[in-house]
Amino acid sequence: MAGILFIISAPSGSGKSTLVSQVRSLVEGLDFSISYTTRAPRGSEEDGREYHFTTRSEFERMIAAGDFLEWAEVFGNYYGTAISALSHAKDVGKDLLLDIDVQGAVQVMKKLPEAVSIFILPPSPEILEMRLRNRSEAEHVTSETVIQSRLAEARHELKQMRDYKYALVNDVLDQAVSELRAIVLCERGVRDGVQAVASSCRTDAASPKLKAALSTFER
């Protein structure tokens, strides 16, 4: 069954990109939408691979032209998903995976309520801070202001988690990969071996693991 839209959101530093990459290598028929952004490339990032890097004026031209399914300004930079990504996935008979922030996800869920929304969260603010600092060092960005801003934004984004159909805690990568894979397959109609795992990740199931992670951000 092709044509399913999967929305994946997570606070910055949650390990979402690694998780998504591994699931795509395990599950066939998943097209990945490369977002547009006005921020500068980081590290080894390349235009057309991680993002389509563009100028602010060009991005605003695309907004005016109605070229985006969703767009948002995050930490002073624009990010957006082109509408053409949906038609491209359908044309090649694949499901589409959107890796977008909470602002963009809310826009898509309103426009396309049938989309399957998945929220990924870190196990605790301490681990999130450690991941953010490690990533910042690797990118040679050591601004304490940026790190604290992203931690504050993470707490804000977690308040939107209940709007998502699924939520999983990315503490052990292999387990998180298994859970995300189960969600994708279950939404495609597969039941054997994956339904119980996918059901345990529903936000309305409020698993003990999910509750424990959320409680650490409420301290």
N, C-alpha and C. Protein backbone atom coordinates (compact mmCIF):
# COMPACT_ATOMS: atom_id res chain seq x y z
N MET A 1 0.85 -1.20 0.00
CA MET A 1 0.00 0.00 0.00
C MET A 1 0.88 1.24 0.00
N ALA A 2 0.99 1.90 -1.11
CA ALA A 2 1.81 3.10 -1.21
C ALA A 2 0.94 4.34 -1.01
N GLY A 3 1.57 5.42 -0.65
CA GLY A 3 0.85 6.67 -0.50
C GLY A 3 0.62 7.10 0.92
N ILE A 4 1.17 6.37 1.91
CA ILE A 4 1.04 6.76 3.30
C ILE A 4 2.05 7.86 3.61
N LEU A 5 1.61 8.86 4.33
CA LEU A 5 2.49 9.95 4.74
C LEU A 5 2.84 9.77 6.21
N PHE A 6 4.13 9.60 6.49
CA PHE A 6 4.61 9.47 7.86
C PHE A 6 5.30 10.78 8.27
N ILE A 7 4.85 11.35 9.36
CA ILE A 7 5.45 12.57 9.90
C ILE A 7 6.28 12.19 11.12
N ILE A 8 7.55 12.57 11.14
CA ILE A 8 8.40 12.29 12.30
C ILE A 8 8.96 13.59 12.83
N SER A 9 8.73 13.83 14.12
CA SER A 9 9.24 15.03 14.78
C SER A 9 9.99 14.65 16.04
N ALA A 10 10.92 15.51 16.44
CA ALA A 10 11.69 15.28 17.66
C ALA A 10 12.42 16.54 18.05
N PRO A 11 12.68 16.74 19.32
CA PRO A 11 13.51 17.87 19.72
C PRO A 11 14.91 17.75 19.11
N SER A 12 15.53 18.87 18.83
CA SER A 12 16.89 18.87 18.29
C SER A 12 17.82 18.11 19.23
N GLY A 13 18.56 17.13 18.68
CA GLY A 13 19.49 16.36 19.49
C GLY A 13 18.93 15.04 19.98
N SER A 14 17.75 14.66 19.49
CA SER A 14 17.12 13.41 19.94
C SER A 14 17.62 12.18 19.20
N GLY A 15 18.46 12.36 18.20
CA GLY A 15 18.96 11.22 17.43
C GLY A 15 18.02 10.77 16.34
N LYS A 16 17.13 11.68 15.94
CA LYS A 16 16.11 11.35 14.93
C LYS A 16 16.71 10.97 13.58
N SER A 17 17.70 11.71 13.13
CA SER A 17 18.27 11.46 11.80
C SER A 17 18.89 10.07 11.70
N THR A 18 19.61 9.67 12.73
CA THR A 18 20.22 8.34 12.74
C THR A 18 19.15 7.27 12.74
N LEU A 19 18.12 7.46 13.54
CA LEU A 19 17.02 6.51 13.63
C LEU A 19 16.31 6.35 12.29
N VAL A 20 15.99 7.47 11.66
CA VAL A 20 15.30 7.44 10.38
C VAL A 20 16.15 6.76 9.32
N SER A 21 17.44 7.05 9.30
CA SER A 21 18.35 6.45 8.32
C SER A 21 18.37 4.93 8.44
N GLN A 22 18.42 4.43 9.66
CA GLN A 22 18.47 2.98 9.86
C GLN A 22 17.16 2.31 9.46
N VAL A 23 16.05 2.95 9.77
CA VAL A 23 14.75 2.37 9.40
C VAL A 23 14.60 2.33 7.88
N ARG A 24 15.05 3.36 7.21
CA ARG A 24 14.96 3.38 5.74
C ARG A 24 15.79 2.26 5.11
N SER A 25 16.87 1.87 5.77
CA SER A 25 17.70 0.79 5.24
C SER A 25 17.05 -0.58 5.47
N LEU A 26 16.09 -0.64 6.40
CA LEU A 26 15.43 -1.91 6.74
C LEU A 26 14.07 -2.08 6.07
N VAL A 27 13.42 -0.98 5.73
CA VAL A 27 12.06 -1.02 5.19
C VAL A 27 12.06 -0.49 3.76
N GLU A 28 11.60 -1.30 2.83
CA GLU A 28 11.54 -0.88 1.43
C GLU A 28 10.35 0.03 1.19
N GLY A 29 10.44 0.80 0.12
CA GLY A 29 9.31 1.60 -0.32
C GLY A 29 9.07 2.86 0.48
N LEU A 30 10.12 3.38 1.15
CA LEU A 30 9.99 4.63 1.90
C LEU A 30 10.77 5.73 1.19
N ASP A 31 10.06 6.71 0.70
CA ASP A 31 10.72 7.87 0.08
C ASP A 31 10.93 8.91 1.17
N PHE A 32 12.06 9.60 1.12
CA PHE A 32 12.39 10.58 2.14
C PHE A 32 12.37 11.97 1.53
N SER A 33 11.60 12.85 2.15
CA SER A 33 11.51 14.22 1.64
C SER A 33 12.66 15.05 2.17
N ILE A 34 13.44 15.61 1.28
CA ILE A 34 14.55 16.49 1.66
C ILE A 34 14.01 17.91 1.80
N SER A 35 14.10 18.43 3.01
CA SER A 35 13.55 19.75 3.29
C SER A 35 14.42 20.87 2.71
N TYR A 36 13.79 22.02 2.56
CA TYR A 36 14.51 23.24 2.19
C TYR A 36 14.84 24.00 3.46
N THR A 37 15.97 24.67 3.50
CA THR A 37 16.33 25.49 4.65
C THR A 37 17.22 26.65 4.25
N THR A 38 17.13 27.70 5.05
CA THR A 38 17.99 28.87 4.81
C THR A 38 19.23 28.85 5.71
N ARG A 39 19.35 27.86 6.58
CA ARG A 39 20.54 27.83 7.43
C ARG A 39 21.74 27.33 6.64
N ALA A 40 22.92 27.63 7.15
CA ALA A 40 24.16 27.22 6.48
C ALA A 40 24.42 25.73 6.71
N PRO A 41 25.06 25.05 5.76
CA PRO A 41 25.41 23.63 5.96
C PRO A 41 26.32 23.45 7.17
N ARG A 42 26.16 22.32 7.86
CA ARG A 42 27.01 21.99 9.00
C ARG A 42 27.92 20.83 8.66
N GLY A 43 29.15 20.90 9.10
CA GLY A 43 30.07 19.79 8.94
C GLY A 43 30.17 19.31 7.51
N SER A 44 29.83 18.02 7.30
CA SER A 44 29.96 17.39 5.98
C SER A 44 28.65 17.43 5.18
N GLU A 45 27.66 18.18 5.64
CA GLU A 45 26.38 18.24 4.94
C GLU A 45 26.56 18.74 3.50
N GLU A 46 25.75 18.18 2.61
CA GLU A 46 25.80 18.57 1.20
C GLU A 46 24.42 18.98 0.71
N ASP A 47 24.40 19.95 -0.17
CA ASP A 47 23.14 20.40 -0.76
C ASP A 47 22.51 19.26 -1.54
N GLY A 48 21.21 19.01 -1.27
CA GLY A 48 20.50 17.96 -1.97
C GLY A 48 20.59 16.60 -1.29
N ARG A 49 21.40 16.49 -0.23
CA ARG A 49 21.49 15.22 0.51
C ARG A 49 20.78 15.35 1.85
N GLU A 50 21.30 16.20 2.74
CA GLU A 50 20.60 16.42 4.02
C GLU A 50 19.47 17.45 3.86
N TYR A 51 19.76 18.51 3.12
CA TYR A 51 18.80 19.58 2.88
C TYR A 51 19.03 20.17 1.50
N HIS A 52 18.01 20.90 1.02
CA HIS A 52 18.20 21.80 -0.10
C HIS A 52 18.50 23.16 0.54
N PHE A 53 19.74 23.59 0.49
CA PHE A 53 20.12 24.86 1.09
C PHE A 53 19.81 26.00 0.12
N THR A 54 19.13 27.02 0.64
CA THR A 54 18.73 28.11 -0.23
C THR A 54 18.81 29.44 0.52
N THR A 55 18.59 30.52 -0.19
CA THR A 55 18.66 31.85 0.43
C THR A 55 17.31 32.22 1.04
N ARG A 56 17.35 33.18 1.92
CA ARG A 56 16.11 33.64 2.55
C ARG A 56 15.14 34.23 1.53
N SER A 57 15.69 34.99 0.59
CA SER A 57 14.83 35.61 -0.43
C SER A 57 14.18 34.57 -1.33
N GLU A 58 14.94 33.52 -1.69
CA GLU A 58 14.38 32.45 -2.52
C GLU A 58 13.32 31.67 -1.76
N PHE A 59 13.58 31.41 -0.49
CA PHE A 59 12.60 30.69 0.33
C PHE A 59 11.30 31.49 0.43
N GLU A 60 11.42 32.79 0.63
CA GLU A 60 10.22 33.62 0.74
C GLU A 60 9.48 33.71 -0.59
N ARG A 61 10.21 33.62 -1.69
CA ARG A 61 9.56 33.58 -3.01
C ARG A 61 8.74 32.31 -3.13
N MET A 62 9.29 31.18 -2.63
CA MET A 62 8.58 29.90 -2.69
C MET A 62 7.35 29.91 -1.79
N ILE A 63 7.45 30.60 -0.64
CA ILE A 63 6.27 30.73 0.23
C ILE A 63 5.16 31.45 -0.51
N ALA A 64 5.52 32.58 -1.14
CA ALA A 64 4.54 33.39 -1.87
C ALA A 64 3.92 32.63 -3.03
N ALA A 65 4.72 31.73 -3.62
CA ALA A 65 4.23 30.95 -4.77
C ALA A 65 3.40 29.74 -4.35
N GLY A 66 3.32 29.48 -3.04
CA GLY A 66 2.55 28.34 -2.54
C GLY A 66 3.24 27.01 -2.80
N ASP A 67 4.57 27.01 -2.82
CA ASP A 67 5.32 25.80 -3.14
C ASP A 67 5.49 24.84 -1.95
N PHE A 68 5.13 25.29 -0.75
CA PHE A 68 5.39 24.47 0.43
C PHE A 68 4.14 23.80 1.00
N LEU A 69 4.29 22.53 1.36
CA LEU A 69 3.25 21.82 2.10
C LEU A 69 3.21 22.39 3.52
N GLU A 70 4.39 22.64 4.06
CA GLU A 70 4.52 23.27 5.37
C GLU A 70 5.84 24.03 5.41
N TRP A 71 5.87 25.03 6.27
CA TRP A 71 7.13 25.73 6.49
C TRP A 71 7.08 26.38 7.87
N ALA A 72 8.24 26.63 8.43
CA ALA A 72 8.31 27.25 9.75
C ALA A 72 9.66 27.94 9.90
N GLU A 73 9.72 28.88 10.82
CA GLU A 73 10.98 29.51 11.16
C GLU A 73 11.43 28.96 12.51
N VAL A 74 12.59 28.33 12.54
CA VAL A 74 13.10 27.67 13.74
C VAL A 74 14.51 28.18 14.04
N PHE A 75 14.70 28.71 15.23
CA PHE A 75 16.01 29.25 15.63
C PHE A 75 16.56 30.24 14.59
N GLY A 76 15.64 31.07 14.03
CA GLY A 76 16.06 32.12 13.12
C GLY A 76 16.25 31.70 11.68
N ASN A 77 15.98 30.43 11.35
CA ASN A 77 16.11 29.96 9.97
C ASN A 77 14.81 29.33 9.49
N TYR A 78 14.55 29.47 8.20
CA TYR A 78 13.37 28.84 7.60
C TYR A 78 13.66 27.37 7.29
N TYR A 79 12.61 26.55 7.47
CA TYR A 79 12.63 25.15 7.05
C TYR A 79 11.29 24.86 6.38
N GLY A 80 11.29 24.07 5.32
CA GLY A 80 10.03 23.78 4.66
C GLY A 80 10.06 22.53 3.80
N THR A 81 8.87 21.96 3.58
CA THR A 81 8.71 20.77 2.75
C THR A 81 7.95 21.14 1.48
N ALA A 82 8.53 20.85 0.33
CA ALA A 82 7.88 21.18 -0.94
C ALA A 82 6.68 20.27 -1.19
N ILE A 83 5.61 20.84 -1.70
CA ILE A 83 4.41 20.06 -2.03
C ILE A 83 4.75 18.96 -3.04
N SER A 84 5.70 19.24 -3.92
CA SER A 84 6.06 18.28 -4.97
C SER A 84 6.55 16.95 -4.40
N ALA A 85 7.01 16.92 -3.14
CA ALA A 85 7.49 15.68 -2.54
C ALA A 85 6.38 14.64 -2.45
N LEU A 86 5.15 15.09 -2.19
CA LEU A 86 4.01 14.16 -2.08
C LEU A 86 3.71 13.49 -3.42
N SER A 87 3.62 14.30 -4.46
CA SER A 87 3.30 13.75 -5.78
C SER A 87 4.42 12.86 -6.29
N HIS A 88 5.66 13.21 -5.97
CA HIS A 88 6.79 12.39 -6.42
C HIS A 88 6.72 11.00 -5.79
N ALA A 89 6.44 10.94 -4.49
CA ALA A 89 6.36 9.65 -3.81
C ALA A 89 5.25 8.78 -4.40
N LYS A 90 4.10 9.39 -4.67
CA LYS A 90 2.98 8.63 -5.24
C LYS A 90 3.31 8.15 -6.65
N ASP A 91 3.99 8.99 -7.42
CA ASP A 91 4.34 8.63 -8.79
C ASP A 91 5.25 7.40 -8.85
N VAL A 92 6.12 7.26 -7.84
CA VAL A 92 7.05 6.12 -7.84
C VAL A 92 6.55 4.98 -6.96
N GLY A 93 5.31 5.10 -6.46
CA GLY A 93 4.69 4.03 -5.69
C GLY A 93 5.29 3.81 -4.32
N LYS A 94 5.67 4.89 -3.65
CA LYS A 94 6.28 4.77 -2.32
C LYS A 94 5.51 5.57 -1.28
N ASP A 95 5.71 5.19 -0.02
CA ASP A 95 5.22 6.01 1.08
C ASP A 95 6.23 7.13 1.30
N LEU A 96 5.78 8.23 1.91
CA LEU A 96 6.66 9.37 2.11
C LEU A 96 6.90 9.61 3.59
N LEU A 97 8.16 9.82 3.93
CA LEU A 97 8.55 10.10 5.30
C LEU A 97 9.00 11.56 5.40
N LEU A 98 8.33 12.31 6.27
CA LEU A 98 8.69 13.71 6.49
C LEU A 98 9.39 13.84 7.84
N ASP A 99 10.58 14.38 7.83
CA ASP A 99 11.34 14.67 9.04
C ASP A 99 11.21 16.17 9.29
N ILE A 100 10.21 16.55 10.11
CA ILE A 100 9.91 17.97 10.28
C ILE A 100 9.70 18.33 11.75
N ASP A 101 9.86 19.61 12.05
CA ASP A 101 9.69 20.08 13.42
C ASP A 101 8.21 20.14 13.79
N VAL A 102 7.94 20.40 15.06
CA VAL A 102 6.57 20.39 15.57
C VAL A 102 5.70 21.44 14.87
N GLN A 103 6.24 22.64 14.63
CA GLN A 103 5.46 23.68 13.95
C GLN A 103 4.97 23.20 12.59
N GLY A 104 5.88 22.61 11.82
CA GLY A 104 5.52 22.11 10.49
C GLY A 104 4.58 20.93 10.57
N ALA A 105 4.79 20.05 11.56
CA ALA A 105 3.94 18.87 11.71
C ALA A 105 2.49 19.25 11.98
N VAL A 106 2.29 20.26 12.80
CA VAL A 106 0.93 20.72 13.11
C VAL A 106 0.23 21.19 11.83
N GLN A 107 0.96 21.90 10.98
CA GLN A 107 0.39 22.37 9.71
C GLN A 107 -0.03 21.19 8.84
N VAL A 108 0.85 20.18 8.73
CA VAL A 108 0.55 19.02 7.88
C VAL A 108 -0.62 18.22 8.44
N MET A 109 -0.67 18.04 9.75
CA MET A 109 -1.76 17.27 10.36
C MET A 109 -3.11 17.92 10.14
N LYS A 110 -3.13 19.25 10.09
CA LYS A 110 -4.38 19.96 9.82
C LYS A 110 -4.81 19.79 8.36
N LYS A 111 -3.82 19.85 7.46
CA LYS A 111 -4.12 19.73 6.03
C LYS A 111 -4.40 18.28 5.63
N LEU A 112 -3.65 17.34 6.25
CA LEU A 112 -3.76 15.93 5.89
C LEU A 112 -3.93 15.10 7.17
N PRO A 113 -5.14 15.08 7.73
CA PRO A 113 -5.38 14.39 9.00
C PRO A 113 -5.13 12.88 8.94
N GLU A 114 -5.09 12.32 7.73
CA GLU A 114 -4.82 10.88 7.61
C GLU A 114 -3.34 10.54 7.76
N ALA A 115 -2.49 11.55 7.81
CA ALA A 115 -1.05 11.31 7.97
C ALA A 115 -0.77 10.60 9.30
N VAL A 116 0.26 9.77 9.30
CA VAL A 116 0.66 9.03 10.50
C VAL A 116 1.75 9.81 11.21
N SER A 117 1.44 10.33 12.38
CA SER A 117 2.38 11.19 13.10
C SER A 117 3.12 10.43 14.20
N ILE A 118 4.44 10.65 14.26
CA ILE A 118 5.30 9.93 15.20
C ILE A 118 6.23 10.93 15.88
N PHE A 119 6.24 10.91 17.20
CA PHE A 119 7.10 11.80 17.97
C PHE A 119 8.21 10.99 18.63
N ILE A 120 9.44 11.46 18.49
CA ILE A 120 10.59 10.78 19.10
C ILE A 120 11.14 11.67 20.20
N LEU A 121 11.31 11.10 21.37
CA LEU A 121 11.85 11.91 22.47
C LEU A 121 13.04 11.24 23.12
N PRO A 122 13.95 12.04 23.66
CA PRO A 122 15.10 11.51 24.38
C PRO A 122 14.65 11.00 25.74
N PRO A 123 15.43 10.13 26.38
CA PRO A 123 15.02 9.57 27.68
C PRO A 123 15.03 10.55 28.84
N SER A 124 15.79 11.64 28.72
CA SER A 124 15.85 12.61 29.81
C SER A 124 16.49 13.90 29.31
N PRO A 125 16.27 15.02 30.00
CA PRO A 125 16.92 16.27 29.59
C PRO A 125 18.43 16.21 29.74
N GLU A 126 18.92 15.41 30.70
CA GLU A 126 20.36 15.28 30.89
C GLU A 126 21.01 14.62 29.68
N ILE A 127 20.37 13.58 29.18
CA ILE A 127 20.92 12.89 28.01
C ILE A 127 20.78 13.77 26.77
N LEU A 128 19.68 14.50 26.67
CA LEU A 128 19.52 15.42 25.55
C LEU A 128 20.61 16.47 25.57
N GLU A 129 20.90 17.02 26.74
CA GLU A 129 21.95 18.03 26.84
C GLU A 129 23.30 17.46 26.45
N MET A 130 23.59 16.23 26.88
CA MET A 130 24.85 15.58 26.52
C MET A 130 24.95 15.41 25.01
N ARG A 131 23.86 14.98 24.37
CA ARG A 131 23.87 14.80 22.91
C ARG A 131 24.05 16.13 22.20
N LEU A 132 23.39 17.16 22.70
CA LEU A 132 23.51 18.48 22.08
C LEU A 132 24.94 19.01 22.19
N ARG A 133 25.56 18.80 23.35
CA ARG A 133 26.93 19.27 23.54
C ARG A 133 27.90 18.49 22.65
N ASN A 134 27.70 17.19 22.54
CA ASN A 134 28.57 16.37 21.69
C ASN A 134 28.44 16.79 20.23
N ARG A 135 27.20 17.03 19.80
CA ARG A 135 26.98 17.45 18.42
C ARG A 135 27.57 18.83 18.17
N SER A 136 27.40 19.72 19.15
CA SER A 136 27.93 21.08 19.00
C SER A 136 29.45 21.07 18.88
N GLU A 137 30.10 20.22 19.68
CA GLU A 137 31.56 20.11 19.60
C GLU A 137 32.00 19.59 18.24
N ALA A 138 31.26 18.61 17.72
CA ALA A 138 31.60 18.04 16.41
C ALA A 138 31.43 19.07 15.30
N GLU A 139 30.47 19.99 15.51
CA GLU A 139 30.20 21.02 14.50
C GLU A 139 30.98 22.31 14.79
N HIS A 140 31.80 22.27 15.85
CA HIS A 140 32.59 23.44 16.26
C HIS A 140 31.70 24.62 16.61
N VAL A 141 30.54 24.30 17.20
CA VAL A 141 29.63 25.33 17.69
C VAL A 141 29.50 25.13 19.20
N THR A 142 30.04 26.04 19.97
CA THR A 142 30.07 25.85 21.42
C THR A 142 29.26 26.90 22.18
N SER A 143 28.31 27.54 21.50
CA SER A 143 27.51 28.59 22.13
C SER A 143 26.60 28.01 23.20
N GLU A 144 26.79 28.44 24.43
CA GLU A 144 25.94 28.00 25.54
C GLU A 144 24.51 28.50 25.34
N THR A 145 24.38 29.66 24.75
CA THR A 145 23.05 30.23 24.50
C THR A 145 22.24 29.33 23.57
N VAL A 146 22.91 28.82 22.51
CA VAL A 146 22.23 27.94 21.55
C VAL A 146 21.79 26.65 22.24
N ILE A 147 22.66 26.06 23.03
CA ILE A 147 22.34 24.81 23.72
C ILE A 147 21.16 24.99 24.68
N GLN A 148 21.19 26.04 25.49
CA GLN A 148 20.11 26.29 26.44
C GLN A 148 18.80 26.61 25.71
N SER A 149 18.89 27.29 24.58
CA SER A 149 17.70 27.59 23.79
C SER A 149 17.06 26.32 23.26
N ARG A 150 17.89 25.38 22.82
CA ARG A 150 17.36 24.11 22.29
C ARG A 150 16.77 23.25 23.39
N LEU A 151 17.35 23.29 24.58
CA LEU A 151 16.78 22.55 25.71
C LEU A 151 15.41 23.12 26.10
N ALA A 152 15.31 24.43 26.10
CA ALA A 152 14.03 25.07 26.42
C ALA A 152 12.98 24.75 25.36
N GLU A 153 13.41 24.75 24.10
CA GLU A 153 12.49 24.43 23.00
C GLU A 153 12.03 22.98 23.10
N ALA A 154 12.92 22.07 23.54
CA ALA A 154 12.55 20.67 23.68
C ALA A 154 11.40 20.50 24.67
N ARG A 155 11.48 21.20 25.79
CA ARG A 155 10.41 21.12 26.79
C ARG A 155 9.09 21.64 26.21
N HIS A 156 9.19 22.68 25.40
CA HIS A 156 7.99 23.23 24.77
C HIS A 156 7.40 22.24 23.76
N GLU A 157 8.25 21.62 22.97
CA GLU A 157 7.79 20.68 21.95
C GLU A 157 7.15 19.44 22.57
N LEU A 158 7.66 19.01 23.71
CA LEU A 158 7.11 17.83 24.37
C LEU A 158 5.64 18.03 24.76
N LYS A 159 5.25 19.27 24.95
CA LYS A 159 3.85 19.56 25.30
C LYS A 159 2.91 19.24 24.14
N GLN A 160 3.46 19.18 22.92
CA GLN A 160 2.66 18.88 21.73
C GLN A 160 2.60 17.39 21.43
N MET A 161 3.31 16.59 22.19
CA MET A 161 3.43 15.16 21.87
C MET A 161 2.09 14.45 21.80
N ARG A 162 1.13 14.86 22.64
CA ARG A 162 -0.17 14.19 22.68
C ARG A 162 -0.95 14.37 21.38
N ASP A 163 -0.54 15.32 20.55
CA ASP A 163 -1.21 15.52 19.25
C ASP A 163 -0.78 14.46 18.23
N TYR A 164 0.27 13.70 18.57
CA TYR A 164 0.80 12.69 17.66
C TYR A 164 0.16 11.32 17.94
N LYS A 165 0.07 10.50 16.91
CA LYS A 165 -0.53 9.17 17.07
C LYS A 165 0.40 8.24 17.83
N TYR A 166 1.71 8.36 17.55
CA TYR A 166 2.69 7.49 18.19
C TYR A 166 3.79 8.32 18.85
N ALA A 167 4.43 7.72 19.84
CA ALA A 167 5.61 8.34 20.46
C ALA A 167 6.54 7.24 20.92
N LEU A 168 7.83 7.42 20.70
CA LEU A 168 8.79 6.43 21.18
C LEU A 168 10.00 7.13 21.77
N VAL A 169 10.61 6.44 22.73
CA VAL A 169 11.77 6.99 23.43
C VAL A 169 13.04 6.44 22.80
N ASN A 170 13.90 7.33 22.34
CA ASN A 170 15.14 6.91 21.69
C ASN A 170 16.27 6.84 22.72
N ASP A 171 16.25 5.76 23.52
CA ASP A 171 17.34 5.56 24.48
C ASP A 171 18.29 4.49 24.01
N VAL A 172 17.75 3.35 23.57
CA VAL A 172 18.56 2.28 22.98
C VAL A 172 18.24 2.26 21.49
N LEU A 173 19.21 2.58 20.65
CA LEU A 173 18.96 2.78 19.22
C LEU A 173 18.31 1.57 18.57
N ASP A 174 18.83 0.38 18.80
CA ASP A 174 18.28 -0.81 18.16
C ASP A 174 16.80 -1.00 18.50
N GLN A 175 16.45 -0.73 19.74
CA GLN A 175 15.06 -0.88 20.16
C GLN A 175 14.18 0.18 19.50
N ALA A 176 14.67 1.40 19.45
CA ALA A 176 13.91 2.48 18.82
C ALA A 176 13.72 2.20 17.33
N VAL A 177 14.74 1.67 16.68
CA VAL A 177 14.64 1.30 15.26
C VAL A 177 13.57 0.23 15.09
N SER A 178 13.57 -0.77 15.96
CA SER A 178 12.58 -1.85 15.90
C SER A 178 11.17 -1.31 16.08
N GLU A 179 11.00 -0.35 16.97
CA GLU A 179 9.68 0.23 17.22
C GLU A 179 9.21 1.06 16.03
N LEU A 180 10.09 1.86 15.47
CA LEU A 180 9.71 2.68 14.31
C LEU A 180 9.39 1.79 13.11
N ARG A 181 10.18 0.76 12.91
CA ARG A 181 9.91 -0.19 11.83
C ARG A 181 8.54 -0.84 12.02
N ALA A 182 8.22 -1.23 13.25
CA ALA A 182 6.93 -1.87 13.54
C ALA A 182 5.77 -0.93 13.24
N ILE A 183 5.93 0.36 13.57
CA ILE A 183 4.87 1.34 13.30
C ILE A 183 4.62 1.46 11.80
N VAL A 184 5.70 1.58 11.02
CA VAL A 184 5.56 1.70 9.56
C VAL A 184 4.87 0.48 8.97
N LEU A 185 5.32 -0.70 9.35
CA LEU A 185 4.74 -1.94 8.81
C LEU A 185 3.29 -2.12 9.24
N CYS A 186 3.00 -1.80 10.50
CA CYS A 186 1.62 -1.94 10.99
C CYS A 186 0.68 -1.01 10.25
N GLU A 187 1.11 0.21 9.98
CA GLU A 187 0.28 1.16 9.24
C GLU A 187 0.08 0.71 7.80
N ARG A 188 0.97 -0.12 7.31
CA ARG A 188 0.83 -0.68 5.97
C ARG A 188 -0.09 -1.90 5.95
N GLY A 189 -0.54 -2.33 7.11
CA GLY A 189 -1.46 -3.46 7.18
C GLY A 189 -0.84 -4.75 7.65
N VAL A 190 0.47 -4.74 7.92
CA VAL A 190 1.15 -5.94 8.44
C VAL A 190 0.79 -6.08 9.92
N ARG A 191 0.50 -7.28 10.37
CA ARG A 191 0.14 -7.49 11.76
C ARG A 191 1.10 -8.45 12.47
N ASP A 192 1.46 -9.53 11.81
CA ASP A 192 2.29 -10.55 12.44
C ASP A 192 3.64 -10.00 12.88
N GLY A 193 3.91 -10.13 14.17
CA GLY A 193 5.22 -9.76 14.70
C GLY A 193 5.45 -8.28 14.94
N VAL A 194 4.50 -7.44 14.55
CA VAL A 194 4.72 -5.99 14.72
C VAL A 194 3.56 -5.27 15.40
N GLN A 195 2.38 -5.85 15.39
CA GLN A 195 1.21 -5.12 15.90
C GLN A 195 1.34 -4.77 17.38
N ALA A 196 1.80 -5.72 18.18
CA ALA A 196 1.92 -5.47 19.63
C ALA A 196 2.94 -4.36 19.91
N VAL A 197 4.05 -4.38 19.17
CA VAL A 197 5.09 -3.37 19.37
C VAL A 197 4.55 -2.00 18.97
N ALA A 198 3.91 -1.93 17.81
CA ALA A 198 3.36 -0.64 17.34
C ALA A 198 2.31 -0.12 18.31
N SER A 199 1.43 -0.98 18.78
CA SER A 199 0.36 -0.56 19.69
C SER A 199 0.92 0.00 20.99
N SER A 200 2.02 -0.57 21.45
CA SER A 200 2.63 -0.10 22.70
C SER A 200 3.21 1.31 22.57
N CYS A 201 3.42 1.75 21.31
CA CYS A 201 3.99 3.08 21.06
C CYS A 201 2.93 4.15 20.84
N ARG A 202 1.66 3.76 20.85
CA ARG A 202 0.61 4.77 20.67
C ARG A 202 0.62 5.72 21.87
N THR A 203 0.44 7.00 21.60
CA THR A 203 0.47 7.97 22.70
C THR A 203 -0.68 7.72 23.68
N ASP A 204 -1.82 7.22 23.16
CA ASP A 204 -2.94 6.98 24.08
C ASP A 204 -2.73 5.72 24.93
N ALA A 205 -1.69 4.93 24.60
CA ALA A 205 -1.36 3.77 25.42
C ALA A 205 -0.58 4.18 26.67
N ALA A 206 0.12 5.32 26.57
CA ALA A 206 0.87 5.88 27.71
C ALA A 206 1.70 4.81 28.41
N SER A 207 2.63 4.23 27.67
CA SER A 207 3.46 3.15 28.23
C SER A 207 4.29 3.65 29.41
N PRO A 208 4.67 2.75 30.32
CA PRO A 208 5.51 3.14 31.47
C PRO A 208 6.82 3.82 31.03
N LYS A 209 7.39 3.35 29.93
CA LYS A 209 8.63 3.92 29.44
C LYS A 209 8.43 5.37 29.00
N LEU A 210 7.33 5.62 28.32
CA LEU A 210 7.02 6.97 27.86
C LEU A 210 6.74 7.89 29.05
N LYS A 211 5.97 7.39 30.01
CA LYS A 211 5.67 8.18 31.21
C LYS A 211 6.95 8.54 31.96
N ALA A 212 7.86 7.57 32.08
CA ALA A 212 9.10 7.80 32.81
C ALA A 212 9.94 8.89 32.14
N ALA A 213 10.03 8.83 30.80
CA ALA A 213 10.81 9.85 30.07
C ALA A 213 10.18 11.23 30.23
N LEU A 214 8.87 11.31 30.11
CA LEU A 214 8.18 12.59 30.23
C LEU A 214 8.36 13.19 31.63
N SER A 215 8.34 12.32 32.64
CA SER A 215 8.45 12.81 34.02
C SER A 215 9.80 13.49 34.27
N THR A 216 10.85 13.06 33.55
CA THR A 216 12.17 13.67 33.76
C THR A 216 12.21 15.11 33.25
N PHE A 217 11.35 15.44 32.29
CA PHE A 217 11.30 16.80 31.76
C PHE A 217 10.40 17.71 32.59
N GLU A 218 9.67 17.13 33.54
CA GLU A 218 8.76 17.89 34.36
C GLU A 218 9.34 18.24 35.71
N ARG A 219 10.56 17.76 35.96
CA ARG A 219 11.19 18.01 37.26
C ARG A 219 11.57 19.48 37.41
